Amino acid sequence: MAWLVAGDHVIASLEIADTRRARRRGLLGRDGIEGALLLRPARQVHTFGMRFAIDVAHCDRDLVVLKVTTMAPNRLGRPVWRARSVIEAEAGSFARWGVEPGVQLEVRS
């Protein structure tokens, strides 16, 4: 299992979707998620067919957060061209975890 880390603090368990099939599936068909999901590579996400609102963090190649948004179900997000990956979590999670633009994140095993 992987962990999402900010500074010296583990902020969430992390699922990694780094194949085309896993990215396509994402959070579809779920009623929620404990922790977060990392989609890579990714610049844009959608919430069509999702059952819950999500927080979305677009990150650069070094996992520095570029943009954070909250998306309701059945929406299409705008692409963030400098982004190389996207982290998704249940809406409200990023505020609790302190994930905002400029924060350096890390994935640890």
PDB file of N, CA and C in Angstrom:
ATOM      1  N   MET A   1       0.843  -1.186   0.000  1.00  0.00           N
ATOM      2  CA  MET A   1       0.000   0.000   0.000  1.00  0.00           C
ATOM      3  C   MET A   1       0.883   1.243   0.000  1.00  0.00           C
ATOM      4  N   ALA A   2       0.425   2.257  -0.695  1.00  0.00           N
ATOM      5  CA  ALA A   2       1.156   3.516  -0.769  1.00  0.00           C
ATOM      6  C   ALA A   2       0.513   4.531   0.164  1.00  0.00           C
ATOM      7  N   TRP A   3       1.287   5.559   0.463  1.00  0.00           N
ATOM      8  CA  TRP A   3       0.829   6.629   1.358  1.00  0.00           C
ATOM      9  C   TRP A   3       1.083   7.973   0.703  1.00  0.00           C
ATOM     10  N   LEU A   4       0.166   8.907   0.912  1.00  0.00           N
ATOM     11  CA  LEU A   4       0.323  10.278   0.452  1.00  0.00           C
ATOM     12  C   LEU A   4       0.902  11.071   1.609  1.00  0.00           C
ATOM     13  N   VAL A   5       2.036  11.725   1.361  1.00  0.00           N
ATOM     14  CA  VAL A   5       2.787  12.406   2.417  1.00  0.00           C
ATOM     15  C   VAL A   5       2.967  13.875   2.047  1.00  0.00           C
ATOM     16  N   ALA A   6       2.813  14.746   3.042  1.00  0.00           N
ATOM     17  CA  ALA A   6       3.104  16.177   2.894  1.00  0.00           C
ATOM     18  C   ALA A   6       4.066  16.537   4.012  1.00  0.00           C
ATOM     19  N   GLY A   7       5.263  16.978   3.657  1.00  0.00           N
ATOM     20  CA  GLY A   7       6.281  17.247   4.678  1.00  0.00           C
ATOM     21  C   GLY A   7       6.669  15.937   5.349  1.00  0.00           C
ATOM     22  N   ASP A   8       6.562  15.897   6.666  1.00  0.00           N
ATOM     23  CA  ASP A   8       6.867  14.678   7.409  1.00  0.00           C
ATOM     24  C   ASP A   8       5.613  13.953   7.855  1.00  0.00           C
ATOM     25  N   HIS A   9       4.454  14.361   7.347  1.00  0.00           N
ATOM     26  CA  HIS A   9       3.190  13.803   7.812  1.00  0.00           C
ATOM     27  C   HIS A   9       2.516  12.944   6.746  1.00  0.00           C
ATOM     28  N   VAL A  10       2.139  11.746   7.125  1.00  0.00           N
ATOM     29  CA  VAL A  10       1.318  10.906   6.261  1.00  0.00           C
ATOM     30  C   VAL A  10      -0.096  11.460   6.353  1.00  0.00           C
ATOM     31  N   ILE A  11      -0.655  11.839   5.207  1.00  0.00           N
ATOM     32  CA  ILE A  11      -1.996  12.436   5.258  1.00  0.00           C
ATOM     33  C   ILE A  11      -3.097  11.490   4.806  1.00  0.00           C
ATOM     34  N   ALA A  12      -2.748  10.443   4.032  1.00  0.00           N
ATOM     35  CA  ALA A  12      -3.795   9.519   3.577  1.00  0.00           C
ATOM     36  C   ALA A  12      -3.187   8.274   2.959  1.00  0.00           C
ATOM     37  N   SER A  13      -3.968   7.198   2.985  1.00  0.00           N
ATOM     38  CA  SER A  13      -3.599   6.025   2.191  1.00  0.00           C
ATOM     39  C   SER A  13      -3.836   6.401   0.734  1.00  0.00           C
ATOM     40  N   LEU A  14      -3.124   5.736  -0.165  1.00  0.00           N
ATOM     41  CA  LEU A  14      -3.156   6.151  -1.566  1.00  0.00           C
ATOM     42  C   LEU A  14      -3.239   4.946  -2.492  1.00  0.00           C
ATOM     43  N   GLU A  15      -4.223   4.977  -3.383  1.00  0.00           N
ATOM     44  CA  GLU A  15      -4.309   4.022  -4.477  1.00  0.00           C
ATOM     45  C   GLU A  15      -3.677   4.692  -5.684  1.00  0.00           C
ATOM     46  N   ILE A  16      -2.984   3.917  -6.515  1.00  0.00           N
ATOM     47  CA  ILE A  16      -2.330   4.484  -7.689  1.00  0.00           C
ATOM     48  C   ILE A  16      -2.929   3.861  -8.941  1.00  0.00           C
ATOM     49  N   ALA A  17      -3.407   4.719  -9.836  1.00  0.00           N
ATOM     50  CA  ALA A  17      -3.939   4.286 -11.128  1.00  0.00           C
ATOM     51  C   ALA A  17      -2.974   4.776 -12.198  1.00  0.00           C
ATOM     52  N   ASP A  18      -2.060   3.906 -12.609  1.00  0.00           N
ATOM     53  CA  ASP A  18      -1.057   4.315 -13.580  1.00  0.00           C
ATOM     54  C   ASP A  18      -1.110   3.499 -14.866  1.00  0.00           C
ATOM     55  N   THR A  19      -2.201   2.751 -15.054  1.00  0.00           N
ATOM     56  CA  THR A  19      -2.438   2.093 -16.339  1.00  0.00           C
ATOM     57  C   THR A  19      -3.672   2.729 -16.967  1.00  0.00           C
ATOM     58  N   ARG A  20      -3.792   2.590 -18.260  1.00  0.00           N
ATOM     59  CA  ARG A  20      -4.939   3.181 -18.951  1.00  0.00           C
ATOM     60  C   ARG A  20      -6.255   2.644 -18.384  1.00  0.00           C
ATOM     61  N   ARG A  21      -6.310   1.356 -18.154  1.00  0.00           N
ATOM     62  CA  ARG A  21      -7.528   0.744 -17.621  1.00  0.00           C
ATOM     63  C   ARG A  21      -7.863   1.262 -16.219  1.00  0.00           C
ATOM     64  N   ALA A  22      -6.859   1.337 -15.356  1.00  0.00           N
ATOM     65  CA  ALA A  22      -7.089   1.812 -13.982  1.00  0.00           C
ATOM     66  C   ALA A  22      -7.495   3.279 -13.968  1.00  0.00           C
ATOM     67  N   ARG A  23      -6.897   4.096 -14.832  1.00  0.00           N
ATOM     68  CA  ARG A  23      -7.264   5.515 -14.895  1.00  0.00           C
ATOM     69  C   ARG A  23      -8.685   5.676 -15.402  1.00  0.00           C
ATOM     70  N   ARG A  24      -9.058   4.866 -16.401  1.00  0.00           N
ATOM     71  CA  ARG A  24     -10.407   4.942 -16.953  1.00  0.00           C
ATOM     72  C   ARG A  24     -11.448   4.572 -15.899  1.00  0.00           C
ATOM     73  N   ARG A  25     -11.150   3.585 -15.089  1.00  0.00           N
ATOM     74  CA  ARG A  25     -12.083   3.147 -14.032  1.00  0.00           C
ATOM     75  C   ARG A  25     -12.141   4.169 -12.907  1.00  0.00           C
ATOM     76  N   GLY A  26     -10.989   4.652 -12.463  1.00  0.00           N
ATOM     77  CA  GLY A  26     -10.940   5.671 -11.415  1.00  0.00           C
ATOM     78  C   GLY A  26     -11.822   5.354 -10.228  1.00  0.00           C
ATOM     79  N   LEU A  27     -12.703   6.270  -9.883  1.00  0.00           N
ATOM     80  CA  LEU A  27     -13.609   6.115  -8.747  1.00  0.00           C
ATOM     81  C   LEU A  27     -15.021   5.726  -9.182  1.00  0.00           C
ATOM     82  N   LEU A  28     -15.203   5.397 -10.449  1.00  0.00           N
ATOM     83  CA  LEU A  28     -16.529   5.037 -10.945  1.00  0.00           C
ATOM     84  C   LEU A  28     -17.061   3.788 -10.245  1.00  0.00           C
ATOM     85  N   GLY A  29     -18.335   3.838  -9.917  1.00  0.00           N
ATOM     86  CA  GLY A  29     -18.987   2.698  -9.300  1.00  0.00           C
ATOM     87  C   GLY A  29     -18.800   2.595  -7.796  1.00  0.00           C
ATOM     88  N   ARG A  30     -18.091   3.522  -7.214  1.00  0.00           N
ATOM     89  CA  ARG A  30     -17.862   3.506  -5.765  1.00  0.00           C
ATOM     90  C   ARG A  30     -18.815   4.461  -5.069  1.00  0.00           C
ATOM     91  N   ASP A  31     -19.047   4.176  -3.797  1.00  0.00           N
ATOM     92  CA  ASP A  31     -19.872   5.064  -2.974  1.00  0.00           C
ATOM     93  C   ASP A  31     -19.013   6.038  -2.176  1.00  0.00           C
ATOM     94  N   GLY A  32     -17.713   5.905  -2.238  1.00  0.00           N
ATOM     95  CA  GLY A  32     -16.785   6.768  -1.523  1.00  0.00           C
ATOM     96  C   GLY A  32     -15.386   6.187  -1.620  1.00  0.00           C
ATOM     97  N   ILE A  33     -14.439   6.857  -0.985  1.00  0.00           N
ATOM     98  CA  ILE A  33     -13.063   6.374  -0.943  1.00  0.00           C
ATOM     99  C   ILE A  33     -12.448   6.777   0.385  1.00  0.00           C
ATOM    100  N   GLU A  34     -11.751   5.850   0.992  1.00  0.00           N
ATOM    101  CA  GLU A  34     -10.949   6.182   2.164  1.00  0.00           C
ATOM    102  C   GLU A  34      -9.564   6.485   1.638  1.00  0.00           C
ATOM    103  N   GLY A  35      -9.058   7.645   1.931  1.00  0.00           N
ATOM    104  CA  GLY A  35      -7.767   8.034   1.397  1.00  0.00           C
ATOM    105  C   GLY A  35      -7.929   8.765   0.085  1.00  0.00           C
ATOM    106  N   ALA A  36      -7.009   8.484  -0.853  1.00  0.00           N
ATOM    107  CA  ALA A  36      -6.979   9.219  -2.109  1.00  0.00           C
ATOM    108  C   ALA A  36      -6.595   8.292  -3.254  1.00  0.00           C
ATOM    109  N   LEU A  37      -6.792   8.804  -4.464  1.00  0.00           N
ATOM    110  CA  LEU A  37      -6.441   8.081  -5.683  1.00  0.00           C
ATOM    111  C   LEU A  37      -5.543   8.973  -6.522  1.00  0.00           C
ATOM    112  N   LEU A  38      -4.388   8.445  -6.933  1.00  0.00           N
ATOM    113  CA  LEU A  38      -3.455   9.159  -7.802  1.00  0.00           C
ATOM    114  C   LEU A  38      -3.617   8.628  -9.217  1.00  0.00           C
ATOM    115  N   LEU A  39      -3.938   9.531 -10.150  1.00  0.00           N
ATOM    116  CA  LEU A  39      -4.042   9.191 -11.570  1.00  0.00           C
ATOM    117  C   LEU A  39      -2.825   9.771 -12.267  1.00  0.00           C
ATOM    118  N   ARG A  40      -2.047   8.899 -12.913  1.00  0.00           N
ATOM    119  CA  ARG A  40      -0.887   9.409 -13.645  1.00  0.00           C
ATOM    120  C   ARG A  40      -0.597   8.546 -14.851  1.00  0.00           C
ATOM    121  N   PRO A  41      -0.372   9.171 -15.987  1.00  0.00           N
ATOM    122  CA  PRO A  41      -0.432  10.610 -16.241  1.00  0.00           C
ATOM    123  C   PRO A  41      -1.882  11.075 -16.380  1.00  0.00           C
ATOM    124  N   ALA A  42      -2.115  12.331 -16.065  1.00  0.00           N
ATOM    125  CA  ALA A  42      -3.447  12.925 -16.198  1.00  0.00           C
ATOM    126  C   ALA A  42      -3.342  14.444 -16.122  1.00  0.00           C
ATOM    127  N   ARG A  43      -4.159  15.107 -16.922  1.00  0.00           N
ATOM    128  CA  ARG A  43      -4.246  16.574 -16.892  1.00  0.00           C
ATOM    129  C   ARG A  43      -5.667  17.044 -16.658  1.00  0.00           C
ATOM    130  N   GLN A  44      -6.620  16.129 -16.835  1.00  0.00           N
ATOM    131  CA  GLN A  44      -8.024  16.495 -16.773  1.00  0.00           C
ATOM    132  C   GLN A  44      -8.810  15.297 -16.248  1.00  0.00           C
ATOM    133  N   VAL A  45      -9.879  15.559 -15.509  1.00  0.00           N
ATOM    134  CA  VAL A  45     -10.742  14.487 -15.014  1.00  0.00           C
ATOM    135  C   VAL A  45     -12.208  14.862 -15.223  1.00  0.00           C
ATOM    136  N   HIS A  46     -13.068  13.865 -15.085  1.00  0.00           N
ATOM    137  CA  HIS A  46     -14.508  14.094 -15.141  1.00  0.00           C
ATOM    138  C   HIS A  46     -15.147  13.340 -13.985  1.00  0.00           C
ATOM    139  N   THR A  47     -16.397  13.671 -13.707  1.00  0.00           N
ATOM    140  CA  THR A  47     -17.125  12.967 -12.652  1.00  0.00           C
ATOM    141  C   THR A  47     -18.422  12.374 -13.193  1.00  0.00           C
ATOM    142  N   PHE A  48     -18.484  12.121 -14.505  1.00  0.00           N
ATOM    143  CA  PHE A  48     -19.667  11.504 -15.092  1.00  0.00           C
ATOM    144  C   PHE A  48     -19.829  10.095 -14.536  1.00  0.00           C
ATOM    145  N   GLY A  49     -21.023   9.790 -14.034  1.00  0.00           N
ATOM    146  CA  GLY A  49     -21.297   8.475 -13.474  1.00  0.00           C
ATOM    147  C   GLY A  49     -20.846   8.294 -12.039  1.00  0.00           C
ATOM    148  N   MET A  50     -20.281   9.330 -11.428  1.00  0.00           N
ATOM    149  CA  MET A  50     -19.834   9.212 -10.043  1.00  0.00           C
ATOM    150  C   MET A  50     -20.990   9.464  -9.087  1.00  0.00           C
ATOM    151  N   ARG A  51     -20.884   8.912  -7.898  1.00  0.00           N
ATOM    152  CA  ARG A  51     -21.958   8.994  -6.910  1.00  0.00           C
ATOM    153  C   ARG A  51     -21.695  10.009  -5.813  1.00  0.00           C
ATOM    154  N   PHE A  52     -20.539  10.647  -5.824  1.00  0.00           N
ATOM    155  CA  PHE A  52     -20.195  11.594  -4.764  1.00  0.00           C
ATOM    156  C   PHE A  52     -19.276  12.675  -5.323  1.00  0.00           C
ATOM    157  N   ALA A  53     -19.254  13.814  -4.639  1.00  0.00           N
ATOM    158  CA  ALA A  53     -18.381  14.926  -5.031  1.00  0.00           C
ATOM    159  C   ALA A  53     -16.941  14.614  -4.609  1.00  0.00           C
ATOM    160  N   ILE A  54     -15.993  15.152  -5.370  1.00  0.00           N
ATOM    161  CA  ILE A  54     -14.584  14.894  -5.077  1.00  0.00           C
ATOM    162  C   ILE A  54     -13.776  16.187  -5.054  1.00  0.00           C
ATOM    163  N   ASP A  55     -12.681  16.149  -4.307  1.00  0.00           N
ATOM    164  CA  ASP A  55     -11.635  17.161  -4.384  1.00  0.00           C
ATOM    165  C   ASP A  55     -10.642  16.673  -5.426  1.00  0.00           C
ATOM    166  N   VAL A  56     -10.127  17.592  -6.228  1.00  0.00           N
ATOM    167  CA  VAL A  56      -9.178  17.266  -7.285  1.00  0.00           C
ATOM    168  C   VAL A  56      -7.964  18.175  -7.141  1.00  0.00           C
ATOM    169  N   ALA A  57      -6.780  17.573  -7.071  1.00  0.00           N
ATOM    170  CA  ALA A  57      -5.533  18.339  -7.033  1.00  0.00           C
ATOM    171  C   ALA A  57      -4.731  17.999  -8.282  1.00  0.00           C
ATOM    172  N   HIS A  58      -4.492  19.008  -9.119  1.00  0.00           N
ATOM    173  CA  HIS A  58      -3.631  18.834 -10.286  1.00  0.00           C
ATOM    174  C   HIS A  58      -2.198  19.096  -9.832  1.00  0.00           C
ATOM    175  N   CYS A  59      -1.298  18.185 -10.154  1.00  0.00           N
ATOM    176  CA  CYS A  59       0.095  18.282  -9.698  1.00  0.00           C
ATOM    177  C   CYS A  59       1.060  18.262 -10.873  1.00  0.00           C
ATOM    178  N   ASP A  60       2.219  18.896 -10.704  1.00  0.00           N
ATOM    179  CA  ASP A  60       3.251  18.860 -11.733  1.00  0.00           C
ATOM    180  C   ASP A  60       4.051  17.559 -11.617  1.00  0.00           C
ATOM    181  N   ARG A  61       5.104  17.433 -12.377  1.00  0.00           N
ATOM    182  CA  ARG A  61       5.878  16.192 -12.394  1.00  0.00           C
ATOM    183  C   ARG A  61       6.531  15.867 -11.055  1.00  0.00           C
ATOM    184  N   ASP A  62       6.731  16.869 -10.200  1.00  0.00           N
ATOM    185  CA  ASP A  62       7.340  16.657  -8.887  1.00  0.00           C
ATOM    186  C   ASP A  62       6.303  16.548  -7.777  1.00  0.00           C
ATOM    187  N   LEU A  63       5.026  16.458  -8.138  1.00  0.00           N
ATOM    188  CA  LEU A  63       3.894  16.386  -7.208  1.00  0.00           C
ATOM    189  C   LEU A  63       3.720  17.654  -6.377  1.00  0.00           C
ATOM    190  N   VAL A  64       4.071  18.791  -6.958  1.00  0.00           N
ATOM    191  CA  VAL A  64       3.728  20.072  -6.354  1.00  0.00           C
ATOM    192  C   VAL A  64       2.319  20.407  -6.837  1.00  0.00           C
ATOM    193  N   VAL A  65       1.437  20.743  -5.915  1.00  0.00           N
ATOM    194  CA  VAL A  65       0.046  21.019  -6.259  1.00  0.00           C
ATOM    195  C   VAL A  65      -0.048  22.341  -7.021  1.00  0.00           C
ATOM    196  N   LEU A  66      -0.646  22.278  -8.212  1.00  0.00           N
ATOM    197  CA  LEU A  66      -0.825  23.460  -9.050  1.00  0.00           C
ATOM    198  C   LEU A  66      -2.188  24.094  -8.854  1.00  0.00           C
ATOM    199  N   LYS A  67      -3.218  23.244  -8.715  1.00  0.00           N
ATOM    200  CA  LYS A  67      -4.589  23.740  -8.635  1.00  0.00           C
ATOM    201  C   LYS A  67      -5.427  22.737  -7.854  1.00  0.00           C
ATOM    202  N   VAL A  68      -6.347  23.237  -7.034  1.00  0.00           N
ATOM    203  CA  VAL A  68      -7.267  22.392  -6.283  1.00  0.00           C
ATOM    204  C   VAL A  68      -8.690  22.843  -6.587  1.00  0.00           C
ATOM    205  N   THR A  69      -9.555  21.889  -6.899  1.00  0.00           N
ATOM    206  CA  THR A  69     -10.967  22.182  -7.134  1.00  0.00           C
ATOM    207  C   THR A  69     -11.819  21.106  -6.478  1.00  0.00           C
ATOM    208  N   THR A  70     -13.083  21.421  -6.292  1.00  0.00           N
ATOM    209  CA  THR A  70     -14.065  20.435  -5.847  1.00  0.00           C
ATOM    210  C   THR A  70     -15.051  20.268  -6.991  1.00  0.00           C
ATOM    211  N   MET A  71     -15.330  19.018  -7.339  1.00  0.00           N
ATOM    212  CA  MET A  71     -16.216  18.738  -8.462  1.00  0.00           C
ATOM    213  C   MET A  71     -17.412  17.929  -8.009  1.00  0.00           C
ATOM    214  N   ALA A  72     -18.597  18.388  -8.387  1.00  0.00           N
ATOM    215  CA  ALA A  72     -19.829  17.641  -8.142  1.00  0.00           C
ATOM    216  C   ALA A  72     -19.916  16.510  -9.170  1.00  0.00           C
ATOM    217  N   PRO A  73     -20.770  15.515  -8.925  1.00  0.00           N
ATOM    218  CA  PRO A  73     -20.953  14.459  -9.923  1.00  0.00           C
ATOM    219  C   PRO A  73     -21.441  15.018 -11.260  1.00  0.00           C
ATOM    220  N   ASN A  74     -21.088  14.299 -12.314  1.00  0.00           N
ATOM    221  CA  ASN A  74     -21.528  14.605 -13.685  1.00  0.00           C
ATOM    222  C   ASN A  74     -21.002  15.934 -14.226  1.00  0.00           C
ATOM    223  N   ARG A  75     -19.740  16.200 -13.966  1.00  0.00           N
ATOM    224  CA  ARG A  75     -19.087  17.409 -14.464  1.00  0.00           C
ATOM    225  C   ARG A  75     -17.814  17.036 -15.237  1.00  0.00           C
ATOM    226  N   LEU A  76     -17.403  17.929 -16.113  1.00  0.00           N
ATOM    227  CA  LEU A  76     -16.154  17.784 -16.848  1.00  0.00           C
ATOM    228  C   LEU A  76     -15.205  18.872 -16.379  1.00  0.00           C
ATOM    229  N   GLY A  77     -14.062  18.476 -15.858  1.00  0.00           N
ATOM    230  CA  GLY A  77     -13.076  19.447 -15.386  1.00  0.00           C
ATOM    231  C   GLY A  77     -12.264  20.008 -16.540  1.00  0.00           C
ATOM    232  N   ARG A  78     -11.740  21.181 -16.323  1.00  0.00           N
ATOM    233  CA  ARG A  78     -10.873  21.797 -17.326  1.00  0.00           C
ATOM    234  C   ARG A  78      -9.474  21.198 -17.219  1.00  0.00           C
ATOM    235  N   PRO A  79      -8.800  21.051 -18.350  1.00  0.00           N
ATOM    236  CA  PRO A  79      -7.429  20.539 -18.286  1.00  0.00           C
ATOM    237  C   PRO A  79      -6.487  21.587 -17.685  1.00  0.00           C
ATOM    238  N   VAL A  80      -5.496  21.112 -16.975  1.00  0.00           N
ATOM    239  CA  VAL A  80      -4.422  21.958 -16.461  1.00  0.00           C
ATOM    240  C   VAL A  80      -3.171  21.503 -17.210  1.00  0.00           C
ATOM    241  N   TRP A  81      -2.730  22.290 -18.178  1.00  0.00           N
ATOM    242  CA  TRP A  81      -1.712  21.856 -19.126  1.00  0.00           C
ATOM    243  C   TRP A  81      -0.373  21.542 -18.483  1.00  0.00           C
ATOM    244  N   ARG A  82      -0.010  22.195 -17.397  1.00  0.00           N
ATOM    245  CA  ARG A  82       1.272  21.900 -16.737  1.00  0.00           C
ATOM    246  C   ARG A  82       1.187  20.670 -15.845  1.00  0.00           C
ATOM    247  N   ALA A  83      -0.017  20.184 -15.598  1.00  0.00           N
ATOM    248  CA  ALA A  83      -0.196  19.028 -14.707  1.00  0.00           C
ATOM    249  C   ALA A  83       0.297  17.750 -15.375  1.00  0.00           C
ATOM    250  N   ARG A  84       0.829  16.859 -14.562  1.00  0.00           N
ATOM    251  CA  ARG A  84       1.260  15.541 -15.020  1.00  0.00           C
ATOM    252  C   ARG A  84       0.514  14.438 -14.287  1.00  0.00           C
ATOM    253  N   SER A  85      -0.129  14.794 -13.173  1.00  0.00           N
ATOM    254  CA  SER A  85      -0.907  13.819 -12.407  1.00  0.00           C
ATOM    255  C   SER A  85      -2.029  14.545 -11.680  1.00  0.00           C
ATOM    256  N   VAL A  86      -3.013  13.740 -11.257  1.00  0.00           N
ATOM    257  CA  VAL A  86      -4.168  14.265 -10.537  1.00  0.00           C
ATOM    258  C   VAL A  86      -4.403  13.385  -9.316  1.00  0.00           C
ATOM    259  N   ILE A  87      -4.703  14.010  -8.204  1.00  0.00           N
ATOM    260  CA  ILE A  87      -5.057  13.282  -6.990  1.00  0.00           C
ATOM    261  C   ILE A  87      -6.515  13.586  -6.686  1.00  0.00           C
ATOM    262  N   GLU A  88      -7.293  12.524  -6.450  1.00  0.00           N
ATOM    263  CA  GLU A  88      -8.711  12.666  -6.138  1.00  0.00           C
ATOM    264  C   GLU A  88      -8.979  12.119  -4.742  1.00  0.00           C
ATOM    265  N   ALA A  89      -9.891  12.777  -4.033  1.00  0.00           N
ATOM    266  CA  ALA A  89     -10.330  12.331  -2.710  1.00  0.00           C
ATOM    267  C   ALA A  89     -11.756  12.824  -2.509  1.00  0.00           C
ATOM    268  N   GLU A  90     -12.432  12.305  -1.497  1.00  0.00           N
ATOM    269  CA  GLU A  90     -13.793  12.770  -1.228  1.00  0.00           C
ATOM    270  C   GLU A  90     -13.778  14.270  -0.931  1.00  0.00           C
ATOM    271  N   ALA A  91     -14.828  14.958  -1.361  1.00  0.00           N
ATOM    272  CA  ALA A  91     -14.929  16.406  -1.153  1.00  0.00           C
ATOM    273  C   ALA A  91     -14.752  16.745   0.320  1.00  0.00           C
ATOM    274  N   GLY A  92     -13.955  17.751   0.599  1.00  0.00           N
ATOM    275  CA  GLY A  92     -13.676  18.195   1.957  1.00  0.00           C
ATOM    276  C   GLY A  92     -12.382  17.642   2.523  1.00  0.00           C
ATOM    277  N   SER A  93     -11.850  16.603   1.900  1.00  0.00           N
ATOM    278  CA  SER A  93     -10.625  15.973   2.414  1.00  0.00           C
ATOM    279  C   SER A  93      -9.418  16.903   2.330  1.00  0.00           C
ATOM    280  N   PHE A  94      -9.262  17.598   1.206  1.00  0.00           N
ATOM    281  CA  PHE A  94      -8.072  18.437   1.038  1.00  0.00           C
ATOM    282  C   PHE A  94      -8.027  19.568   2.052  1.00  0.00           C
ATOM    283  N   ALA A  95      -9.170  20.118   2.407  1.00  0.00           N
ATOM    284  CA  ALA A  95      -9.197  21.180   3.428  1.00  0.00           C
ATOM    285  C   ALA A  95      -8.716  20.621   4.759  1.00  0.00           C
ATOM    286  N   ARG A  96      -9.143  19.423   5.106  1.00  0.00           N
ATOM    287  CA  ARG A  96      -8.710  18.793   6.364  1.00  0.00           C
ATOM    288  C   ARG A  96      -7.224  18.459   6.341  1.00  0.00           C
ATOM    289  N   TRP A  97      -6.728  18.055   5.180  1.00  0.00           N
ATOM    290  CA  TRP A  97      -5.338  17.618   5.059  1.00  0.00           C
ATOM    291  C   TRP A  97      -4.369  18.763   4.791  1.00  0.00           C
ATOM    292  N   GLY A  98      -4.866  19.938   4.458  1.00  0.00           N
ATOM    293  CA  GLY A  98      -3.997  21.073   4.145  1.00  0.00           C
ATOM    294  C   GLY A  98      -3.420  21.027   2.740  1.00  0.00           C
ATOM    295  N   VAL A  99      -4.096  20.345   1.826  1.00  0.00           N
ATOM    296  CA  VAL A  99      -3.635  20.272   0.435  1.00  0.00           C
ATOM    297  C   VAL A  99      -4.155  21.506  -0.298  1.00  0.00           C
ATOM    298  N   GLU A 100      -3.221  22.321  -0.776  1.00  0.00           N
ATOM    299  CA  GLU A 100      -3.545  23.567  -1.482  1.00  0.00           C
ATOM    300  C   GLU A 100      -2.427  23.855  -2.469  1.00  0.00           C
ATOM    301  N   PRO A 101      -2.651  24.777  -3.405  1.00  0.00           N
ATOM    302  CA  PRO A 101      -1.599  25.086  -4.374  1.00  0.00           C
ATOM    303  C   PRO A 101      -0.279  25.443  -3.692  1.00  0.00           C
ATOM    304  N   GLY A 102       0.802  24.892  -4.239  1.00  0.00           N
ATOM    305  CA  GLY A 102       2.142  25.134  -3.707  1.00  0.00           C
ATOM    306  C   GLY A 102       2.636  24.057  -2.762  1.00  0.00           C
ATOM    307  N   VAL A 103       1.756  23.205  -2.258  1.00  0.00           N
ATOM    308  CA  VAL A 103       2.164  22.145  -1.329  1.00  0.00           C
ATOM    309  C   VAL A 103       2.899  21.047  -2.101  1.00  0.00           C
ATOM    310  N   GLN A 104       4.012  20.607  -1.551  1.00  0.00           N
ATOM    311  CA  GLN A 104       4.796  19.501  -2.134  1.00  0.00           C
ATOM    312  C   GLN A 104       4.302  18.189  -1.529  1.00  0.00           C
ATOM    313  N   LEU A 105       3.816  17.299  -2.374  1.00  0.00           N
ATOM    314  CA  LEU A 105       3.352  15.989  -1.923  1.00  0.00           C
ATOM    315  C   LEU A 105       4.367  14.923  -2.302  1.00  0.00           C
ATOM    316  N   GLU A 106       4.241  13.770  -1.690  1.00  0.00           N
ATOM    317  CA  GLU A 106       5.155  12.666  -1.960  1.00  0.00           C
ATOM    318  C   GLU A 106       4.379  11.365  -1.826  1.00  0.00           C
ATOM    319  N   VAL A 107       4.771  10.382  -2.624  1.00  0.00           N
ATOM    320  CA  VAL A 107       4.198   9.039  -2.524  1.00  0.00           C
ATOM    321  C   VAL A 107       5.247   8.145  -1.887  1.00  0.00           C
ATOM    322  N   ARG A 108       4.862   7.483  -0.807  1.00  0.00           N
ATOM    323  CA  ARG A 108       5.772   6.529  -0.134  1.00  0.00           C
ATOM    324  C   ARG A 108       5.106   5.165  -0.058  1.00  0.00           C
ATOM    325  N   SER A 109       5.941   4.141  -0.171  1.00  0.00           N
ATOM    326  CA  SER A 109       5.433   2.774  -0.084  1.00  0.00           C
ATOM    327  C   SER A 109       5.439   2.278   1.346  1.00  0.00           C
TER     328      SER A 109
END
